[in-house]
């Protein structure tokens, strides 16, 4: 795999980037929910539990 020294492949970023820190929901989890039919924030929230932690989203 070739990539510039300062670039991290998107697949790795998806696994590492936390979208919801309270529930440790990653960008990958959000993308999977969307691919599985969650198209609104309430649907993504229900599918992933993102935004339901102590911070309230």
PDB file of N, CA and C in Angstrom:
ATOM      1  N   UNK A   1       0.853  -1.176   0.000  1.00  0.00           N
ATOM      2  CA  UNK A   1       0.000   0.000   0.000  1.00  0.00           C
ATOM      3  C   UNK A   1       0.893   1.230   0.000  1.00  0.00           C
ATOM      4  N   UNK A   2       0.684   2.118  -0.947  1.00  0.00           N
ATOM      5  CA  UNK A   2       1.466   3.340  -1.029  1.00  0.00           C
ATOM      6  C   UNK A   2       0.615   4.529  -0.616  1.00  0.00           C
ATOM      7  N   UNK A   3       1.107   5.304   0.304  1.00  0.00           N
ATOM      8  CA  UNK A   3       0.487   6.571   0.654  1.00  0.00           C
ATOM      9  C   UNK A   3       1.553   7.482   1.227  1.00  0.00           C
ATOM     10  N   UNK A   4       1.273   8.760   1.105  1.00  0.00           N
ATOM     11  CA  UNK A   4       2.255   9.729   1.578  1.00  0.00           C
ATOM     12  C   UNK A   4       2.448   9.581   3.079  1.00  0.00           C
ATOM     13  N   UNK A   5       3.613   9.979   3.532  1.00  0.00           N
ATOM     14  CA  UNK A   5       3.980   9.816   4.935  1.00  0.00           C
ATOM     15  C   UNK A   5       2.973  10.446   5.895  1.00  0.00           C
ATOM     16  N   UNK A   6       2.395  11.583   5.528  1.00  0.00           N
ATOM     17  CA  UNK A   6       1.489  12.285   6.438  1.00  0.00           C
ATOM     18  C   UNK A   6       0.019  11.934   6.203  1.00  0.00           C
ATOM     19  N   UNK A   7      -0.273  10.946   5.360  1.00  0.00           N
ATOM     20  CA  UNK A   7      -1.652  10.568   5.096  1.00  0.00           C
ATOM     21  C   UNK A   7      -1.951   9.207   5.711  1.00  0.00           C
ATOM     22  N   UNK A   8      -3.077   9.114   6.363  1.00  0.00           N
ATOM     23  CA  UNK A   8      -3.533   7.852   6.921  1.00  0.00           C
ATOM     24  C   UNK A   8      -4.684   7.369   6.054  1.00  0.00           C
ATOM     25  N   UNK A   9      -4.680   6.114   5.636  1.00  0.00           N
ATOM     26  CA  UNK A   9      -5.766   5.607   4.803  1.00  0.00           C
ATOM     27  C   UNK A   9      -7.131   5.779   5.481  1.00  0.00           C
ATOM     28  N   UNK A  10      -8.139   6.084   4.675  1.00  0.00           N
ATOM     29  CA  UNK A  10      -9.477   6.352   5.195  1.00  0.00           C
ATOM     30  C   UNK A  10     -10.025   5.188   6.014  1.00  0.00           C
ATOM     31  N   UNK A  11      -9.771   3.963   5.605  1.00  0.00           N
ATOM     32  CA  UNK A  11     -10.281   2.802   6.342  1.00  0.00           C
ATOM     33  C   UNK A  11      -9.737   2.766   7.766  1.00  0.00           C
ATOM     34  N   UNK A  12      -8.489   3.160   7.932  1.00  0.00           N
ATOM     35  CA  UNK A  12      -7.903   3.198   9.274  1.00  0.00           C
ATOM     36  C   UNK A  12      -8.505   4.348  10.067  1.00  0.00           C
ATOM     37  N   UNK A  13      -8.645   5.516   9.432  1.00  0.00           N
ATOM     38  CA  UNK A  13      -9.270   6.653  10.111  1.00  0.00           C
ATOM     39  C   UNK A  13     -10.683   6.316  10.561  1.00  0.00           C
ATOM     40  N   UNK A  14     -11.430   5.597   9.718  1.00  0.00           N
ATOM     41  CA  UNK A  14     -12.798   5.221  10.067  1.00  0.00           C
ATOM     42  C   UNK A  14     -12.841   4.397  11.346  1.00  0.00           C
ATOM     43  N   UNK A  15     -11.868   3.519  11.515  1.00  0.00           N
ATOM     44  CA  UNK A  15     -11.832   2.663  12.702  1.00  0.00           C
ATOM     45  C   UNK A  15     -11.374   3.415  13.943  1.00  0.00           C
ATOM     46  N   UNK A  16     -10.539   4.435  13.750  1.00  0.00           N
ATOM     47  CA  UNK A  16      -9.944   5.142  14.883  1.00  0.00           C
ATOM     48  C   UNK A  16     -10.681   6.404  15.303  1.00  0.00           C
ATOM     49  N   UNK A  17     -11.379   7.046  14.370  1.00  0.00           N
ATOM     50  CA  UNK A  17     -12.005   8.331  14.655  1.00  0.00           C
ATOM     51  C   UNK A  17     -13.293   8.138  15.438  1.00  0.00           C
ATOM     52  N   UNK A  18     -13.328   8.672  16.653  1.00  0.00           N
ATOM     53  CA  UNK A  18     -14.520   8.597  17.493  1.00  0.00           C
ATOM     54  C   UNK A  18     -15.456   9.743  17.131  1.00  0.00           C
ATOM     55  N   UNK A  19     -16.690   9.391  16.794  1.00  0.00           N
ATOM     56  CA  UNK A  19     -17.717  10.384  16.495  1.00  0.00           C
ATOM     57  C   UNK A  19     -18.471  10.705  17.780  1.00  0.00           C
ATOM     58  N   UNK A  20     -18.670   9.698  18.593  1.00  0.00           N
ATOM     59  CA  UNK A  20     -19.354   9.846  19.879  1.00  0.00           C
ATOM     60  C   UNK A  20     -18.419   9.287  20.947  1.00  0.00           C
ATOM     61  N   UNK A  21     -17.792  10.175  21.704  1.00  0.00           N
ATOM     62  CA  UNK A  21     -16.815   9.714  22.683  1.00  0.00           C
ATOM     63  C   UNK A  21     -17.461   9.061  23.896  1.00  0.00           C
ATOM     64  N   UNK A  22     -18.671   9.473  24.251  1.00  0.00           N
ATOM     65  CA  UNK A  22     -19.339   8.877  25.417  1.00  0.00           C
ATOM     66  C   UNK A  22     -19.589   7.385  25.218  1.00  0.00           C
ATOM     67  N   UNK A  23     -19.950   7.013  24.004  1.00  0.00           N
ATOM     68  CA  UNK A  23     -20.278   5.615  23.686  1.00  0.00           C
ATOM     69  C   UNK A  23     -19.196   4.940  22.843  1.00  0.00           C
ATOM     70  N   UNK A  24     -18.092   5.649  22.595  1.00  0.00           N
ATOM     71  CA  UNK A  24     -16.985   5.136  21.771  1.00  0.00           C
ATOM     72  C   UNK A  24     -17.450   4.656  20.398  1.00  0.00           C
ATOM     73  N   UNK A  25     -18.328   5.430  19.772  1.00  0.00           N
ATOM     74  CA  UNK A  25     -18.839   5.102  18.446  1.00  0.00           C
ATOM     75  C   UNK A  25     -17.873   5.669  17.409  1.00  0.00           C
ATOM     76  N   UNK A  26     -17.421   4.811  16.509  1.00  0.00           N
ATOM     77  CA  UNK A  26     -16.466   5.239  15.491  1.00  0.00           C
ATOM     78  C   UNK A  26     -17.172   5.695  14.220  1.00  0.00           C
ATOM     79  N   UNK A  27     -16.403   6.374  13.395  1.00  0.00           N
ATOM     80  CA  UNK A  27     -16.892   6.806  12.084  1.00  0.00           C
ATOM     81  C   UNK A  27     -17.307   5.588  11.256  1.00  0.00           C
ATOM     82  N   UNK A  28     -16.596   4.489  11.406  1.00  0.00           N
ATOM     83  CA  UNK A  28     -16.926   3.240  10.700  1.00  0.00           C
ATOM     84  C   UNK A  28     -18.322   2.759  11.092  1.00  0.00           C
ATOM     85  N   UNK A  29     -18.644   2.812  12.365  1.00  0.00           N
ATOM     86  CA  UNK A  29     -19.957   2.375  12.844  1.00  0.00           C
ATOM     87  C   UNK A  29     -21.064   3.243  12.267  1.00  0.00           C
ATOM     88  N   UNK A  30     -20.834   4.551  12.203  1.00  0.00           N
ATOM     89  CA  UNK A  30     -21.823   5.471  11.633  1.00  0.00           C
ATOM     90  C   UNK A  30     -22.027   5.164  10.151  1.00  0.00           C
ATOM     91  N   UNK A  31     -20.931   4.980   9.418  1.00  0.00           N
ATOM     92  CA  UNK A  31     -21.031   4.667   7.992  1.00  0.00           C
ATOM     93  C   UNK A  31     -21.785   3.361   7.763  1.00  0.00           C
ATOM     94  N   UNK A  32     -21.523   2.358   8.592  1.00  0.00           N
ATOM     95  CA  UNK A  32     -22.218   1.076   8.457  1.00  0.00           C
ATOM     96  C   UNK A  32     -23.715   1.236   8.701  1.00  0.00           C
ATOM     97  N   UNK A  33     -24.086   2.049   9.683  1.00  0.00           N
ATOM     98  CA  UNK A  33     -25.503   2.287   9.964  1.00  0.00           C
ATOM     99  C   UNK A  33     -26.183   2.934   8.761  1.00  0.00           C
ATOM    100  N   UNK A  34     -25.510   3.885   8.137  1.00  0.00           N
ATOM    101  CA  UNK A  34     -26.065   4.559   6.959  1.00  0.00           C
ATOM    102  C   UNK A  34     -26.201   3.571   5.802  1.00  0.00           C
ATOM    103  N   UNK A  35     -25.187   2.748   5.593  1.00  0.00           N
ATOM    104  CA  UNK A  35     -25.252   1.739   4.529  1.00  0.00           C
ATOM    105  C   UNK A  35     -26.365   0.721   4.775  1.00  0.00           C
ATOM    106  N   UNK A  36     -26.706   0.517   6.043  1.00  0.00           N
ATOM    107  CA  UNK A  36     -27.759  -0.431   6.400  1.00  0.00           C
ATOM    108  C   UNK A  36     -29.136   0.211   6.487  1.00  0.00           C
ATOM    109  N   UNK A  37     -29.266   1.466   6.032  1.00  0.00           N
ATOM    110  CA  UNK A  37     -30.584   2.076   5.911  1.00  0.00           C
ATOM    111  C   UNK A  37     -30.918   3.212   6.851  1.00  0.00           C
ATOM    112  N   UNK A  38     -30.023   3.577   7.753  1.00  0.00           N
ATOM    113  CA  UNK A  38     -30.273   4.715   8.644  1.00  0.00           C
ATOM    114  C   UNK A  38     -29.926   5.993   7.879  1.00  0.00           C
ATOM    115  N   UNK A  39     -30.936   6.812   7.580  1.00  0.00           N
ATOM    116  CA  UNK A  39     -30.698   7.991   6.742  1.00  0.00           C
ATOM    117  C   UNK A  39     -30.920   9.317   7.458  1.00  0.00           C
ATOM    118  N   UNK A  40     -31.435   9.287   8.666  1.00  0.00           N
ATOM    119  CA  UNK A  40     -31.621  10.514   9.437  1.00  0.00           C
ATOM    120  C   UNK A  40     -30.843  10.376  10.740  1.00  0.00           C
ATOM    121  N   UNK A  41     -30.623  11.519  11.409  1.00  0.00           N
ATOM    122  CA  UNK A  41     -29.908  11.440  12.684  1.00  0.00           C
ATOM    123  C   UNK A  41     -30.639  10.550  13.682  1.00  0.00           C
ATOM    124  N   UNK A  42     -31.972  10.677  13.829  1.00  0.00           N
ATOM    125  CA  UNK A  42     -32.651   9.772  14.766  1.00  0.00           C
ATOM    126  C   UNK A  42     -32.460   8.288  14.413  1.00  0.00           C
ATOM    127  N   UNK A  43     -32.429   7.968  13.128  1.00  0.00           N
ATOM    128  CA  UNK A  43     -32.218   6.575  12.718  1.00  0.00           C
ATOM    129  C   UNK A  43     -30.792   6.115  13.026  1.00  0.00           C
ATOM    130  N   UNK A  44     -29.816   6.983  12.767  1.00  0.00           N
ATOM    131  CA  UNK A  44     -28.421   6.652  13.076  1.00  0.00           C
ATOM    132  C   UNK A  44     -28.257   6.511  14.584  1.00  0.00           C
ATOM    133  N   UNK A  45     -28.872   7.400  15.321  1.00  0.00           N
ATOM    134  CA  UNK A  45     -28.815   7.368  16.783  1.00  0.00           C
ATOM    135  C   UNK A  45     -29.394   6.059  17.319  1.00  0.00           C
ATOM    136  N   UNK A  46     -30.530   5.654  16.770  1.00  0.00           N
ATOM    137  CA  UNK A  46     -31.161   4.404  17.203  1.00  0.00           C
ATOM    138  C   UNK A  46     -30.306   3.192  16.837  1.00  0.00           C
ATOM    139  N   UNK A  47     -29.725   3.213  15.658  1.00  0.00           N
ATOM    140  CA  UNK A  47     -28.936   2.078  15.183  1.00  0.00           C
ATOM    141  C   UNK A  47     -27.598   1.936  15.898  1.00  0.00           C
ATOM    142  N   UNK A  48     -27.023   3.064  16.335  1.00  0.00           N
ATOM    143  CA  UNK A  48     -25.660   3.032  16.870  1.00  0.00           C
ATOM    144  C   UNK A  48     -25.549   3.404  18.344  1.00  0.00           C
ATOM    145  N   UNK A  49     -26.565   4.032  18.893  1.00  0.00           N
ATOM    146  CA  UNK A  49     -26.580   4.580  20.255  1.00  0.00           C
ATOM    147  C   UNK A  49     -25.719   5.842  20.364  1.00  0.00           C
ATOM    148  N   UNK A  50     -25.245   6.368  19.236  1.00  0.00           N
ATOM    149  CA  UNK A  50     -24.496   7.628  19.240  1.00  0.00           C
ATOM    150  C   UNK A  50     -25.410   8.742  19.727  1.00  0.00           C
ATOM    151  N   UNK A  51     -24.892   9.601  20.558  1.00  0.00           N
ATOM    152  CA  UNK A  51     -25.676  10.723  21.063  1.00  0.00           C
ATOM    153  C   UNK A  51     -26.572  10.377  22.230  1.00  0.00           C
ATOM    154  N   UNK A  52     -26.412   9.177  22.787  1.00  0.00           N
ATOM    155  CA  UNK A  52     -27.267   8.776  23.906  1.00  0.00           C
ATOM    156  C   UNK A  52     -26.493   8.659  25.213  1.00  0.00           C
ATOM    157  N   UNK A  53     -25.254   9.099  25.196  1.00  0.00           N
ATOM    158  CA  UNK A  53     -24.412   9.012  26.389  1.00  0.00           C
ATOM    159  C   UNK A  53     -24.620  10.196  27.319  1.00  0.00           C
ATOM    160  N   UNK A  54     -23.694  10.376  28.212  1.00  0.00           N
ATOM    161  CA  UNK A  54     -23.778  11.418  29.232  1.00  0.00           C
ATOM    162  C   UNK A  54     -23.856  12.826  28.646  1.00  0.00           C
ATOM    163  N   UNK A  55     -23.246  13.049  27.487  1.00  0.00           N
ATOM    164  CA  UNK A  55     -23.243  14.391  26.897  1.00  0.00           C
ATOM    165  C   UNK A  55     -24.571  14.718  26.224  1.00  0.00           C
ATOM    166  N   UNK A  56     -25.346  13.691  25.884  1.00  0.00           N
ATOM    167  CA  UNK A  56     -26.642  13.919  25.252  1.00  0.00           C
ATOM    168  C   UNK A  56     -26.568  14.226  23.776  1.00  0.00           C
ATOM    169  N   UNK A  57     -25.404  14.053  23.193  1.00  0.00           N
ATOM    170  CA  UNK A  57     -25.252  14.226  21.751  1.00  0.00           C
ATOM    171  C   UNK A  57     -25.119  15.627  21.362  1.00  0.00           C
TER     172      UNK A  57
END
